[in-house]
Amino acid sequence: TEGIVGVEVCDVELSMPRPSYTINTLDTLSQKFSHC
């Protein structure tokens, strides 16, 4: 993704409990990035 505008890497799930559930990821990201 180096140099690609509009595409980012997100590693939030690596620090979350496993197995990884999408709803938990979305909730975590919403809390962490309230402007998004």
PDB file of all heavy atoms in Angstrom:
ATOM      1  N   THR A   1       0.803  -1.231   0.000  1.00  0.00           N
ATOM      2  CA  THR A   1       0.000   0.000   0.000  1.00  0.00           C
ATOM      3  C   THR A   1       0.833   1.278   0.000  1.00  0.00           C
ATOM      4  O   THR A   1       0.270   2.364  -0.041  1.00  0.00           O
ATOM      5  CB  THR A   1      -0.947   0.016   1.213  1.00  0.00           C
ATOM      6  OG1 THR A   1      -0.174  -0.116   2.418  1.00  0.00           O
ATOM      7  CG2 THR A   1      -1.969  -1.102   1.129  1.00  0.00           C
ATOM      8  N   GLU A   2       2.142   1.147   0.023  1.00  0.00           N
ATOM      9  CA  GLU A   2       3.008   2.341   0.026  1.00  0.00           C
ATOM     10  C   GLU A   2       2.665   3.238  -1.153  1.00  0.00           C
ATOM     11  O   GLU A   2       2.658   2.800  -2.301  1.00  0.00           O
ATOM     12  CB  GLU A   2       4.484   1.932  -0.078  1.00  0.00           C
ATOM     13  CG  GLU A   2       5.125   1.600   1.237  1.00  0.00           C
ATOM     14  CD  GLU A   2       6.586   1.171   1.085  1.00  0.00           C
ATOM     15  OE1 GLU A   2       7.175   1.355   0.002  1.00  0.00           O
ATOM     16  OE2 GLU A   2       7.106   0.624   2.059  1.00  0.00           O
ATOM     17  N   GLY A   3       2.359   4.491  -0.853  1.00  0.00           N
ATOM     18  CA  GLY A   3       2.121   5.466  -1.909  1.00  0.00           C
ATOM     19  C   GLY A   3       0.769   5.385  -2.593  1.00  0.00           C
ATOM     20  O   GLY A   3       0.510   6.117  -3.545  1.00  0.00           O
ATOM     21  N   ILE A   4      -0.127   4.525  -2.144  1.00  0.00           N
ATOM     22  CA  ILE A   4      -1.451   4.420  -2.763  1.00  0.00           C
ATOM     23  C   ILE A   4      -2.425   5.319  -1.998  1.00  0.00           C
ATOM     24  O   ILE A   4      -2.711   5.081  -0.823  1.00  0.00           O
ATOM     25  CB  ILE A   4      -1.963   2.957  -2.785  1.00  0.00           C
ATOM     26  CG1 ILE A   4      -1.038   2.082  -3.626  1.00  0.00           C
ATOM     27  CG2 ILE A   4      -3.388   2.916  -3.340  1.00  0.00           C
ATOM     28  CD1 ILE A   4      -1.453   0.622  -3.688  1.00  0.00           C
ATOM     29  N   VAL A   5      -2.905   6.338  -2.669  1.00  0.00           N
ATOM     30  CA  VAL A   5      -3.821   7.296  -2.056  1.00  0.00           C
ATOM     31  C   VAL A   5      -5.193   6.655  -1.859  1.00  0.00           C
ATOM     32  O   VAL A   5      -5.712   5.987  -2.756  1.00  0.00           O
ATOM     33  CB  VAL A   5      -3.951   8.556  -2.941  1.00  0.00           C
ATOM     34  CG1 VAL A   5      -4.971   9.530  -2.366  1.00  0.00           C
ATOM     35  CG2 VAL A   5      -2.600   9.231  -3.100  1.00  0.00           C
ATOM     36  N   GLY A   6      -5.760   6.828  -0.663  1.00  0.00           N
ATOM     37  CA  GLY A   6      -7.096   6.318  -0.380  1.00  0.00           C
ATOM     38  C   GLY A   6      -7.138   4.892   0.127  1.00  0.00           C
ATOM     39  O   GLY A   6      -8.206   4.367   0.424  1.00  0.00           O
ATOM     40  N   VAL A   7      -5.974   4.249   0.242  1.00  0.00           N
ATOM     41  CA  VAL A   7      -5.907   2.866   0.740  1.00  0.00           C
ATOM     42  C   VAL A   7      -4.910   2.826   1.898  1.00  0.00           C
ATOM     43  O   VAL A   7      -3.757   3.228   1.750  1.00  0.00           O
ATOM     44  CB  VAL A   7      -5.487   1.870  -0.365  1.00  0.00           C
ATOM     45  CG1 VAL A   7      -5.413   0.448   0.189  1.00  0.00           C
ATOM     46  CG2 VAL A   7      -6.451   1.939  -1.543  1.00  0.00           C
ATOM     47  N   GLU A   8      -5.399   2.367   3.057  1.00  0.00           N
ATOM     48  CA  GLU A   8      -4.572   2.329   4.265  1.00  0.00           C
ATOM     49  C   GLU A   8      -4.549   0.910   4.834  1.00  0.00           C
ATOM     50  O   GLU A   8      -5.392   0.085   4.496  1.00  0.00           O
ATOM     51  CB  GLU A   8      -5.142   3.275   5.331  1.00  0.00           C
ATOM     52  CG  GLU A   8      -5.251   4.722   4.906  1.00  0.00           C
ATOM     53  CD  GLU A   8      -3.914   5.413   4.746  1.00  0.00           C
ATOM     54  OE1 GLU A   8      -2.943   4.989   5.416  1.00  0.00           O
ATOM     55  OE2 GLU A   8      -3.833   6.373   3.969  1.00  0.00           O
ATOM     56  N   VAL A   9      -3.602   0.657   5.714  1.00  0.00           N
ATOM     57  CA  VAL A   9      -3.500  -0.623   6.412  1.00  0.00           C
ATOM     58  C   VAL A   9      -4.044  -0.434   7.823  1.00  0.00           C
ATOM     59  O   VAL A   9      -3.721   0.550   8.489  1.00  0.00           O
ATOM     60  CB  VAL A   9      -2.036  -1.111   6.474  1.00  0.00           C
ATOM     61  CG1 VAL A   9      -1.918  -2.370   7.330  1.00  0.00           C
ATOM     62  CG2 VAL A   9      -1.499  -1.362   5.072  1.00  0.00           C
ATOM     63  N   CYS A  10      -4.867  -1.374   8.258  1.00  0.00           N
ATOM     64  CA  CYS A  10      -5.428  -1.342   9.616  1.00  0.00           C
ATOM     65  C   CYS A  10      -5.066  -2.647  10.324  1.00  0.00           C
ATOM     66  O   CYS A  10      -5.406  -3.730   9.845  1.00  0.00           O
ATOM     67  CB  CYS A  10      -6.946  -1.164   9.534  1.00  0.00           C
ATOM     68  SG  CYS A  10      -7.770  -1.205  11.129  1.00  0.00           S
ATOM     69  N   ASP A  11      -4.377  -2.526  11.458  1.00  0.00           N
ATOM     70  CA  ASP A  11      -3.953  -3.722  12.201  1.00  0.00           C
ATOM     71  C   ASP A  11      -4.670  -3.873  13.541  1.00  0.00           C
ATOM     72  O   ASP A  11      -4.223  -4.608  14.417  1.00  0.00           O
ATOM     73  CB  ASP A  11      -2.439  -3.717  12.395  1.00  0.00           C
ATOM     74  CG  ASP A  11      -1.956  -2.558  13.264  1.00  0.00           C
ATOM     75  OD1 ASP A  11      -2.790  -1.730  13.692  1.00  0.00           O
ATOM     76  OD2 ASP A  11      -0.739  -2.478  13.513  1.00  0.00           O
ATOM     77  N   VAL A  12      -5.804  -3.195  13.698  1.00  0.00           N
ATOM     78  CA  VAL A  12      -6.510  -3.174  14.984  1.00  0.00           C
ATOM     79  C   VAL A  12      -6.866  -4.579  15.478  1.00  0.00           C
ATOM     80  O   VAL A  12      -6.830  -4.848  16.681  1.00  0.00           O
ATOM     81  CB  VAL A  12      -7.772  -2.277  14.918  1.00  0.00           C
ATOM     82  CG1 VAL A  12      -8.854  -2.890  14.050  1.00  0.00           C
ATOM     83  CG2 VAL A  12      -8.309  -1.983  16.307  1.00  0.00           C
ATOM     84  N   GLU A  13      -7.192  -5.490  14.564  1.00  0.00           N
ATOM     85  CA  GLU A  13      -7.615  -6.832  15.000  1.00  0.00           C
ATOM     86  C   GLU A  13      -6.483  -7.627  15.641  1.00  0.00           C
ATOM     87  O   GLU A  13      -6.744  -8.569  16.391  1.00  0.00           O
ATOM     88  CB  GLU A  13      -8.201  -7.621  13.828  1.00  0.00           C
ATOM     89  CG  GLU A  13      -9.554  -7.107  13.390  1.00  0.00           C
ATOM     90  CD  GLU A  13     -10.244  -8.012  12.384  1.00  0.00           C
ATOM     91  OE1 GLU A  13      -9.690  -9.069  12.010  1.00  0.00           O
ATOM     92  OE2 GLU A  13     -11.357  -7.649  11.967  1.00  0.00           O
ATOM     93  N   LEU A  14      -5.234  -7.252  15.367  1.00  0.00           N
ATOM     94  CA  LEU A  14      -4.108  -7.999  15.935  1.00  0.00           C
ATOM     95  C   LEU A  14      -4.024  -7.820  17.448  1.00  0.00           C
ATOM     96  O   LEU A  14      -3.447  -8.657  18.135  1.00  0.00           O
ATOM     97  CB  LEU A  14      -2.793  -7.575  15.270  1.00  0.00           C
ATOM     98  CG  LEU A  14      -2.714  -7.802  13.764  1.00  0.00           C
ATOM     99  CD1 LEU A  14      -1.327  -7.437  13.249  1.00  0.00           C
ATOM    100  CD2 LEU A  14      -3.078  -9.228  13.382  1.00  0.00           C
ATOM    101  N   SER A  15      -4.606  -6.744  17.959  1.00  0.00           N
ATOM    102  CA  SER A  15      -4.570  -6.504  19.404  1.00  0.00           C
ATOM    103  C   SER A  15      -5.899  -6.826  20.082  1.00  0.00           C
ATOM    104  O   SER A  15      -6.083  -6.556  21.265  1.00  0.00           O
ATOM    105  CB  SER A  15      -4.188  -5.048  19.678  1.00  0.00           C
ATOM    106  OG  SER A  15      -5.145  -4.188  19.098  1.00  0.00           O
ATOM    107  N   MET A  16      -6.811  -7.415  19.326  1.00  0.00           N
ATOM    108  CA  MET A  16      -8.135  -7.740  19.878  1.00  0.00           C
ATOM    109  C   MET A  16      -8.220  -9.228  20.232  1.00  0.00           C
ATOM    110  O   MET A  16      -7.443 -10.029  19.715  1.00  0.00           O
ATOM    111  CB  MET A  16      -9.218  -7.381  18.854  1.00  0.00           C
ATOM    112  CG  MET A  16      -9.331  -5.872  18.616  1.00  0.00           C
ATOM    113  SD  MET A  16     -10.491  -5.450  17.294  1.00  0.00           S
ATOM    114  CE  MET A  16     -12.019  -6.104  17.968  1.00  0.00           C
ATOM    115  N   PRO A  17      -9.180  -9.598  21.086  1.00  0.00           N
ATOM    116  CA  PRO A  17      -9.362 -11.014  21.422  1.00  0.00           C
ATOM    117  C   PRO A  17      -9.670 -11.849  20.178  1.00  0.00           C
ATOM    118  O   PRO A  17     -10.249 -11.348  19.217  1.00  0.00           O
ATOM    119  CB  PRO A  17     -10.562 -11.011  22.375  1.00  0.00           C
ATOM    120  CG  PRO A  17     -10.666  -9.622  22.894  1.00  0.00           C
ATOM    121  CD  PRO A  17     -10.119  -8.727  21.813  1.00  0.00           C
ATOM    122  N   ARG A  18      -9.255 -13.096  20.227  1.00  0.00           N
ATOM    123  CA  ARG A  18      -9.482 -14.007  19.103  1.00  0.00           C
ATOM    124  C   ARG A  18     -10.432 -15.116  19.516  1.00  0.00           C
ATOM    125  O   ARG A  18     -10.432 -15.511  20.666  1.00  0.00           O
ATOM    126  CB  ARG A  18      -8.149 -14.591  18.624  1.00  0.00           C
ATOM    127  CG  ARG A  18      -7.246 -13.480  18.118  1.00  0.00           C
ATOM    128  CD  ARG A  18      -5.893 -13.978  17.701  1.00  0.00           C
ATOM    129  NE  ARG A  18      -5.011 -12.828  17.509  1.00  0.00           N
ATOM    130  CZ  ARG A  18      -3.871 -12.878  16.878  1.00  0.00           C
ATOM    131  NH1 ARG A  18      -3.446 -13.997  16.375  1.00  0.00           N
ATOM    132  NH2 ARG A  18      -3.131 -11.809  16.747  1.00  0.00           N
ATOM    133  N   PRO A  19     -11.247 -15.644  18.622  1.00  0.00           N
ATOM    134  CA  PRO A  19     -11.294 -15.311  17.208  1.00  0.00           C
ATOM    135  C   PRO A  19     -11.813 -13.901  16.989  1.00  0.00           C
ATOM    136  O   PRO A  19     -12.450 -13.300  17.854  1.00  0.00           O
ATOM    137  CB  PRO A  19     -12.251 -16.348  16.621  1.00  0.00           C
ATOM    138  CG  PRO A  19     -13.133 -16.750  17.744  1.00  0.00           C
ATOM    139  CD  PRO A  19     -12.290 -16.635  18.974  1.00  0.00           C
ATOM    140  N   SER A  20     -11.510 -13.412  15.813  1.00  0.00           N
ATOM    141  CA  SER A  20     -11.828 -12.041  15.449  1.00  0.00           C
ATOM    142  C   SER A  20     -13.228 -11.970  14.839  1.00  0.00           C
ATOM    143  O   SER A  20     -13.502 -12.647  13.865  1.00  0.00           O
ATOM    144  CB  SER A  20     -10.782 -11.606  14.427  1.00  0.00           C
ATOM    145  OG  SER A  20     -11.067 -10.350  13.941  1.00  0.00           O
ATOM    146  N   TYR A  21     -14.082 -11.162  15.433  1.00  0.00           N
ATOM    147  CA  TYR A  21     -15.432 -10.986  14.894  1.00  0.00           C
ATOM    148  C   TYR A  21     -15.572  -9.569  14.346  1.00  0.00           C
ATOM    149  O   TYR A  21     -15.207  -8.591  15.010  1.00  0.00           O
ATOM    150  CB  TYR A  21     -16.495 -11.235  15.977  1.00  0.00           C
ATOM    151  CG  TYR A  21     -16.544 -12.678  16.397  1.00  0.00           C
ATOM    152  CD1 TYR A  21     -15.991 -13.075  17.609  1.00  0.00           C
ATOM    153  CD2 TYR A  21     -17.118 -13.647  15.574  1.00  0.00           C
ATOM    154  CE1 TYR A  21     -16.019 -14.410  18.000  1.00  0.00           C
ATOM    155  CE2 TYR A  21     -17.154 -14.982  15.955  1.00  0.00           C
ATOM    156  CZ  TYR A  21     -16.602 -15.357  17.164  1.00  0.00           C
ATOM    157  OH  TYR A  21     -16.624 -16.680  17.538  1.00  0.00           O
ATOM    158  N   THR A  22     -16.119  -9.461  13.158  1.00  0.00           N
ATOM    159  CA  THR A  22     -16.232  -8.191  12.456  1.00  0.00           C
ATOM    160  C   THR A  22     -16.985  -7.143  13.265  1.00  0.00           C
ATOM    161  O   THR A  22     -16.586  -5.973  13.292  1.00  0.00           O
ATOM    162  CB  THR A  22     -16.905  -8.417  11.086  1.00  0.00           C
ATOM    163  OG1 THR A  22     -16.097  -9.323  10.344  1.00  0.00           O
ATOM    164  CG2 THR A  22     -17.063  -7.127  10.320  1.00  0.00           C
ATOM    165  N   ILE A  23     -18.055  -7.526  13.932  1.00  0.00           N
ATOM    166  CA  ILE A  23     -18.826  -6.550  14.705  1.00  0.00           C
ATOM    167  C   ILE A  23     -17.958  -5.909  15.784  1.00  0.00           C
ATOM    168  O   ILE A  23     -18.041  -4.700  16.029  1.00  0.00           O
ATOM    169  CB  ILE A  23     -20.124  -7.168  15.307  1.00  0.00           C
ATOM    170  CG1 ILE A  23     -21.011  -6.076  15.913  1.00  0.00           C
ATOM    171  CG2 ILE A  23     -19.808  -8.258  16.311  1.00  0.00           C
ATOM    172  CD1 ILE A  23     -21.551  -5.055  14.943  1.00  0.00           C
ATOM    173  N   ASN A  24     -17.093  -6.697  16.420  1.00  0.00           N
ATOM    174  CA  ASN A  24     -16.201  -6.161  17.453  1.00  0.00           C
ATOM    175  C   ASN A  24     -15.189  -5.196  16.842  1.00  0.00           C
ATOM    176  O   ASN A  24     -14.853  -4.168  17.430  1.00  0.00           O
ATOM    177  CB  ASN A  24     -15.478  -7.286  18.188  1.00  0.00           C
ATOM    178  CG  ASN A  24     -16.435  -8.217  18.895  1.00  0.00           C
ATOM    179  OD1 ASN A  24     -17.589  -7.867  19.148  1.00  0.00           O
ATOM    180  ND2 ASN A  24     -15.981  -9.416  19.205  1.00  0.00           N
ATOM    181  N   THR A  25     -14.696  -5.540  15.638  1.00  0.00           N
ATOM    182  CA  THR A  25     -13.743  -4.664  14.942  1.00  0.00           C
ATOM    183  C   THR A  25     -14.392  -3.327  14.615  1.00  0.00           C
ATOM    184  O   THR A  25     -13.824  -2.266  14.873  1.00  0.00           O
ATOM    185  CB  THR A  25     -13.255  -5.341  13.648  1.00  0.00           C
ATOM    186  OG1 THR A  25     -12.653  -6.600  13.983  1.00  0.00           O
ATOM    187  CG2 THR A  25     -12.260  -4.472  12.907  1.00  0.00           C
ATOM    188  N   LEU A  26     -15.600  -3.378  14.051  1.00  0.00           N
ATOM    189  CA  LEU A  26     -16.294  -2.149  13.686  1.00  0.00           C
ATOM    190  C   LEU A  26     -16.600  -1.288  14.923  1.00  0.00           C
ATOM    191  O   LEU A  26     -16.424  -0.063  14.892  1.00  0.00           O
ATOM    192  CB  LEU A  26     -17.580  -2.479  12.925  1.00  0.00           C
ATOM    193  CG  LEU A  26     -17.365  -3.061  11.522  1.00  0.00           C
ATOM    194  CD1 LEU A  26     -18.661  -3.669  10.985  1.00  0.00           C
ATOM    195  CD2 LEU A  26     -16.824  -2.015  10.566  1.00  0.00           C
ATOM    196  N   ASP A  27     -17.020  -1.921  16.009  1.00  0.00           N
ATOM    197  CA  ASP A  27     -17.289  -1.185  17.245  1.00  0.00           C
ATOM    198  C   ASP A  27     -16.018  -0.529  17.782  1.00  0.00           C
ATOM    199  O   ASP A  27     -16.017   0.632  18.195  1.00  0.00           O
ATOM    200  CB  ASP A  27     -17.884  -2.105  18.315  1.00  0.00           C
ATOM    201  CG  ASP A  27     -19.333  -2.514  18.029  1.00  0.00           C
ATOM    202  OD1 ASP A  27     -19.994  -1.883  17.177  1.00  0.00           O
ATOM    203  OD2 ASP A  27     -19.793  -3.486  18.669  1.00  0.00           O
ATOM    204  N   THR A  28     -14.915  -1.279  17.777  1.00  0.00           N
ATOM    205  CA  THR A  28     -13.633  -0.756  18.269  1.00  0.00           C
ATOM    206  C   THR A  28     -13.165   0.422  17.423  1.00  0.00           C
ATOM    207  O   THR A  28     -12.749   1.456  17.946  1.00  0.00           O
ATOM    208  CB  THR A  28     -12.566  -1.873  18.278  1.00  0.00           C
ATOM    209  OG1 THR A  28     -13.008  -2.911  19.157  1.00  0.00           O
ATOM    210  CG2 THR A  28     -11.214  -1.361  18.730  1.00  0.00           C
ATOM    211  N   LEU A  29     -13.242   0.272  16.107  1.00  0.00           N
ATOM    212  CA  LEU A  29     -12.813   1.357  15.219  1.00  0.00           C
ATOM    213  C   LEU A  29     -13.689   2.598  15.395  1.00  0.00           C
ATOM    214  O   LEU A  29     -13.189   3.723  15.372  1.00  0.00           O
ATOM    215  CB  LEU A  29     -12.828   0.888  13.764  1.00  0.00           C
ATOM    216  CG  LEU A  29     -11.730  -0.103  13.377  1.00  0.00           C
ATOM    217  CD1 LEU A  29     -11.976  -0.668  11.982  1.00  0.00           C
ATOM    218  CD2 LEU A  29     -10.354   0.544  13.462  1.00  0.00           C
ATOM    219  N   SER A  30     -14.985   2.394  15.580  1.00  0.00           N
ATOM    220  CA  SER A  30     -15.905   3.526  15.768  1.00  0.00           C
ATOM    221  C   SER A  30     -15.573   4.310  17.034  1.00  0.00           C
ATOM    222  O   SER A  30     -15.677   5.541  17.056  1.00  0.00           O
ATOM    223  CB  SER A  30     -17.346   3.041  15.836  1.00  0.00           C
ATOM    224  OG  SER A  30     -17.766   2.644  14.568  1.00  0.00           O
ATOM    225  N   GLN A  31     -15.180   3.588  18.074  1.00  0.00           N
ATOM    226  CA  GLN A  31     -14.809   4.264  19.323  1.00  0.00           C
ATOM    227  C   GLN A  31     -13.472   4.992  19.170  1.00  0.00           C
ATOM    228  O   GLN A  31     -13.307   6.113  19.629  1.00  0.00           O
ATOM    229  CB  GLN A  31     -14.714   3.247  20.465  1.00  0.00           C
ATOM    230  CG  GLN A  31     -16.068   2.689  20.868  1.00  0.00           C
ATOM    231  CD  GLN A  31     -15.944   1.429  21.718  1.00  0.00           C
ATOM    232  OE1 GLN A  31     -14.859   1.002  22.075  1.00  0.00           O
ATOM    233  NE2 GLN A  31     -17.088   0.826  22.017  1.00  0.00           N
ATOM    234  N   LYS A  32     -12.543   4.336  18.484  1.00  0.00           N
ATOM    235  CA  LYS A  32     -11.187   4.875  18.340  1.00  0.00           C
ATOM    236  C   LYS A  32     -11.121   6.040  17.352  1.00  0.00           C
ATOM    237  O   LYS A  32     -10.335   6.965  17.530  1.00  0.00           O
ATOM    238  CB  LYS A  32     -10.274   3.732  17.874  1.00  0.00           C
ATOM    239  CG  LYS A  32      -8.819   3.965  18.056  1.00  0.00           C
ATOM    240  CD  LYS A  32      -8.054   2.678  17.781  1.00  0.00           C
ATOM    241  CE  LYS A  32      -6.578   2.912  17.967  1.00  0.00           C
ATOM    242  NZ  LYS A  32      -5.789   1.721  17.762  1.00  0.00           N
ATOM    243  N   PHE A  33     -11.934   5.985  16.306  1.00  0.00           N
ATOM    244  CA  PHE A  33     -11.920   7.008  15.257  1.00  0.00           C
ATOM    245  C   PHE A  33     -13.329   7.593  15.118  1.00  0.00           C
ATOM    246  O   PHE A  33     -14.028   7.338  14.140  1.00  0.00           O
ATOM    247  CB  PHE A  33     -11.463   6.402  13.924  1.00  0.00           C
ATOM    248  CG  PHE A  33     -10.095   5.795  13.968  1.00  0.00           C
ATOM    249  CD1 PHE A  33      -9.937   4.423  14.151  1.00  0.00           C
ATOM    250  CD2 PHE A  33      -8.958   6.587  13.828  1.00  0.00           C
ATOM    251  CE1 PHE A  33      -8.667   3.848  14.191  1.00  0.00           C
ATOM    252  CE2 PHE A  33      -7.686   6.024  13.875  1.00  0.00           C
ATOM    253  CZ  PHE A  33      -7.538   4.657  14.055  1.00  0.00           C
ATOM    254  N   SER A  34     -13.721   8.394  16.102  1.00  0.00           N
ATOM    255  CA  SER A  34     -15.094   8.905  16.138  1.00  0.00           C
ATOM    256  C   SER A  34     -15.398   9.874  14.992  1.00  0.00           C
ATOM    257  O   SER A  34     -16.556  10.130  14.688  1.00  0.00           O
ATOM    258  CB  SER A  34     -15.371   9.574  17.482  1.00  0.00           C
ATOM    259  OG  SER A  34     -14.445  10.614  17.700  1.00  0.00           O
ATOM    260  N   HIS A  35     -14.363  10.382  14.327  1.00  0.00           N
ATOM    261  CA  HIS A  35     -14.553  11.283  13.181  1.00  0.00           C
ATOM    262  C   HIS A  35     -14.816  10.521  11.882  1.00  0.00           C
ATOM    263  O   HIS A  35     -15.001  11.129  10.831  1.00  0.00           O
ATOM    264  CB  HIS A  35     -13.323  12.188  13.011  1.00  0.00           C
ATOM    265  CG  HIS A  35     -12.074  11.431  12.671  1.00  0.00           C
ATOM    266  ND1 HIS A  35     -11.403  10.672  13.608  1.00  0.00           N
ATOM    267  CD2 HIS A  35     -11.401  11.296  11.513  1.00  0.00           C
ATOM    268  CE1 HIS A  35     -10.357  10.114  13.031  1.00  0.00           C
ATOM    269  NE2 HIS A  35     -10.330  10.467  11.756  1.00  0.00           N
ATOM    270  N   CYS A  36     -14.841   9.192  11.964  1.00  0.00           N
ATOM    271  CA  CYS A  36     -15.058   8.356  10.775  1.00  0.00           C
ATOM    272  C   CYS A  36     -16.389   7.613  10.873  1.00  0.00           C
ATOM    273  O   CYS A  36     -16.854   7.281  11.968  1.00  0.00           O
ATOM    274  CB  CYS A  36     -13.942   7.323  10.619  1.00  0.00           C
ATOM    275  SG  CYS A  36     -12.325   8.024  10.271  1.00  0.00           S
TER     276      CYS A  36
END
